[in-house]
Protein backbone atom coordinates (compact mmCIF):
# COMPACT_ATOMS: atom_id res chain seq x y z
CA MET A 1 45.97 74.32 279.31
CA HIS A 2 42.52 75.00 280.85
CA PRO A 3 40.03 72.39 281.22
CA VAL A 4 37.11 72.59 278.72
CA VAL A 5 33.77 72.94 280.42
CA PRO A 6 30.76 71.81 278.39
CA ALA A 7 28.21 74.41 277.64
CA ASP A 8 25.33 72.44 279.51
CA ALA A 9 27.34 72.17 282.70
CA ASP A 10 25.93 73.58 285.98
CA LEU A 11 28.48 76.27 287.03
CA SER A 12 26.62 77.08 290.24
CA THR A 13 28.58 74.77 292.29
CA THR A 14 32.32 75.23 292.55
CA THR A 15 34.50 72.10 292.84
CA ALA A 16 38.13 72.08 293.05
CA PRO A 17 40.02 70.72 290.19
CA THR A 18 40.82 67.16 290.23
CA ALA A 19 43.99 65.60 289.02
CA SER A 20 42.35 63.59 286.34
CA PRO A 21 42.76 64.73 282.90
CA PRO A 22 39.89 66.96 281.66
CA THR A 23 37.42 65.42 279.30
CA THR A 24 36.21 67.13 276.11
CA THR A 25 33.24 66.54 274.22
CA ALA A 26 32.98 66.48 270.46
CA PRO A 27 30.59 68.80 268.74
CA ALA A 28 27.42 67.33 267.70
CA LEU A 29 27.53 66.30 264.05
CA THR A 30 24.51 66.93 261.79
CA ALA A 31 22.99 63.90 260.13
CA THR A 32 23.42 65.37 256.59
CA PRO A 33 26.00 67.85 255.41
CA PRO A 34 24.79 70.85 253.56
CA PRO A 35 24.51 70.40 249.83
CA MET A 36 27.51 71.32 247.68
CA THR A 37 26.82 74.17 245.45
CA THR A 38 28.92 74.75 242.42
CA VAL A 39 29.34 78.06 241.06
CA PRO A 40 29.42 78.13 237.30
CA THR A 41 32.70 79.54 236.17
CA THR A 42 32.81 80.97 232.65
CA THR A 43 35.92 82.06 230.99
CA THR A 44 35.51 84.78 228.40
CA ALA A 45 38.25 85.79 226.11
CA PRO A 46 38.99 89.54 226.26
CA ALA A 47 37.38 91.54 223.58
CA PRO A 48 39.64 92.00 220.52
CA ALA A 49 40.90 95.56 219.98
CA PRO A 50 39.08 97.34 217.26
CA ALA A 51 40.62 97.10 213.87
CA PRO A 52 42.26 100.30 212.53
CA SER A 53 40.46 102.01 209.65
CA GLY A 54 41.36 101.12 206.21
CA VAL A 55 41.93 104.79 205.40
CA LEU A 56 44.73 104.91 208.05
CA VAL A 57 46.35 101.92 206.43
CA ALA A 58 46.13 103.69 203.18
CA ALA A 59 47.46 106.86 204.57
CA VAL A 60 50.62 105.11 205.97
CA VAL A 61 51.20 103.37 202.56
CA VAL A 62 50.83 106.72 200.69
CA GLY A 63 53.17 108.42 203.13
CA ALA A 64 55.77 105.72 202.71
CA GLY A 65 55.42 106.22 198.88
CA ALA A 66 55.61 109.98 199.21
CA VAL A 67 58.84 109.77 201.14
CA LEU A 68 60.45 107.43 198.58
CA THR A 69 59.50 109.66 195.65
CA SER A 70 60.15 112.95 197.38
CA VAL A 71 63.88 112.99 196.22
CA ILE A 72 63.02 112.58 192.43
CA PRO A 73 62.70 115.99 190.77
CA LEU A 74 59.19 116.59 189.26
CA MET A 75 57.95 113.55 191.04
CA ASN A 76 58.43 115.36 194.33
CA VAL A 77 55.54 117.74 193.58
CA LEU A 78 53.20 114.80 193.80
CA SER A 79 55.03 113.75 196.94
CA LEU A 80 54.51 117.27 198.38
CA LEU A 81 50.72 116.92 197.71
CA GLY A 82 50.41 113.38 198.80
CA GLY A 83 52.42 114.24 202.13
CA LEU A 84 50.08 117.05 202.91
CA GLY A 85 47.05 114.74 202.44
CA VAL A 86 48.40 111.99 204.63
CA VAL A 87 49.16 114.58 207.42
CA VAL A 88 45.48 115.82 207.25
CA VAL A 89 44.18 112.39 207.34
CA GLY A 90 46.34 111.44 210.28
CA VAL A 91 45.50 114.57 212.36
CA LEU A 92 41.74 113.92 211.72
CA ALA A 93 42.03 110.31 212.89
CA LEU A 94 43.87 111.44 216.06
CA ARG A 95 41.22 114.13 216.80
CA ARG A 96 38.11 111.67 216.42
CA GLY A 97 39.88 109.01 218.50
CA ALA A 98 39.69 106.55 215.80
CA PRO A 99 41.21 103.05 216.57
CA GLY A 100 44.85 102.72 215.26
CA ARG A 101 46.38 105.70 217.14
CA GLY A 102 49.97 104.30 216.26
CA LEU A 103 48.93 104.22 212.48
CA ALA A 104 47.74 107.88 212.74
CA VAL A 105 51.04 109.00 214.31
CA ALA A 106 53.03 107.01 211.61
CA ALA A 107 51.01 108.63 208.93
CA ILE A 108 51.64 112.20 210.37
CA VAL A 109 55.35 111.52 210.57
CA LEU A 110 55.67 110.02 207.15
CA GLY A 111 53.57 112.86 205.60
CA ALA A 112 55.64 115.63 207.29
CA LEU A 113 58.94 113.94 206.24
CA ALA A 114 57.76 113.73 202.63
CA VAL A 115 56.73 117.38 202.71
CA ALA A 116 60.02 118.39 204.11
CA VAL A 117 62.16 116.45 201.81
CA ALA A 118 60.12 117.43 198.71
CA THR A 119 60.34 121.15 199.66
CA ALA A 120 64.00 120.88 200.15
CA VAL A 121 64.53 119.22 196.74
CA LEU A 122 62.24 121.76 195.06
CA LEU A 123 64.22 124.63 196.56
CA VAL A 124 67.66 123.12 195.47
CA VAL A 125 66.44 122.38 192.01
CA GLY A 126 64.85 125.71 191.60
CA ALA A 127 68.10 127.42 192.79
CA LEU A 128 70.12 125.49 190.42
CA PHE A 129 67.79 126.34 187.59
CA ILE A 130 67.73 130.00 188.23
CA THR A 131 71.60 130.27 188.66
CA SER A 132 72.41 128.14 185.72
CA GLU A 133 73.76 129.97 182.47
CA ARG A 134 71.27 130.45 179.98
CA ILE A 135 72.18 129.48 176.38
CA SER A 136 71.21 132.26 173.76
CA VAL A 137 69.58 131.48 170.50
CA ASP A 138 72.70 132.19 168.59
CA GLU A 139 74.77 129.82 170.68
CA PHE A 140 72.06 127.21 170.53
CA GLU A 141 72.08 127.29 166.66
CA SER A 142 75.81 127.01 166.53
CA VAL A 143 75.92 123.94 168.57
CA PRO A 144 76.62 120.98 166.27
CA PHE A 145 74.07 118.19 166.59
CA GLY A 146 74.81 114.89 164.98
CA PRO A 147 77.84 113.96 163.02
CA GLU A 148 79.93 116.76 161.51
CA GLU A 149 79.72 117.14 157.80
CA LEU A 150 82.77 115.93 156.01
CA VAL A 151 83.92 117.70 152.85
CA ASP A 152 86.75 117.19 150.31
CA GLU A 153 89.14 119.87 149.23
CA ARG A 154 86.56 121.21 146.54
CA GLY A 155 83.77 121.44 149.24
CA GLU A 156 81.89 118.44 148.16
CA PRO A 157 80.42 116.33 150.82
CA VAL A 158 82.15 113.03 151.63
CA ASP A 159 81.75 110.03 153.93
CA GLU A 160 84.30 108.86 156.50
CA ARG A 161 86.26 107.06 153.75
CA GLY A 162 86.36 110.05 151.62
CA GLU A 163 83.90 108.88 148.93
CA PRO A 164 81.42 111.44 147.52
CA VAL A 165 77.97 111.48 149.01
CA ASP A 166 74.72 113.22 148.07
CA GLN A 167 72.69 115.56 150.41
CA ASP A 168 71.23 112.58 152.43
CA GLY A 169 74.67 110.99 153.08
CA VAL A 170 74.21 108.20 150.38
CA VAL A 171 77.40 107.42 148.56
CA VAL A 172 77.29 108.63 144.88
CA LEU A 173 78.58 106.12 142.35
CA PRO A 174 80.86 107.62 139.65
């Protein structure tokens, strides 16, 4: 360890080091410490994310309904139209950069799924309708509707118990 030499010491004369321990001087203290300044700290909450558009929420709801009804024949025509509308709304929201990007993607997926399922069901039902055997007018008229007419041995109409009835099926009293 080297001896500490005070800053105001005269270094012009050189003296040999002595065996006594070196003395150090404490730095001069000022009479008053500098004033403490406090930096005001403000904590601000992060700005909330902008709320998604109500149109996007409605598009997701319509898309889900379109998917559910796309398997019902005849209702799937409405599902097809609803699905196309939902896809258009979702794509427009994505292109404009509207808040709710996830809802826009969900609307597009649901709409596309509804369109695909509704189209498949329409094609299957159409194919079944075209290939089904058509009933001719003659066959249609010969198909019995309602209960068969019961007649006795003379050709007179009777009910299930064999009692005579009139044209309207009312039992005729003898």
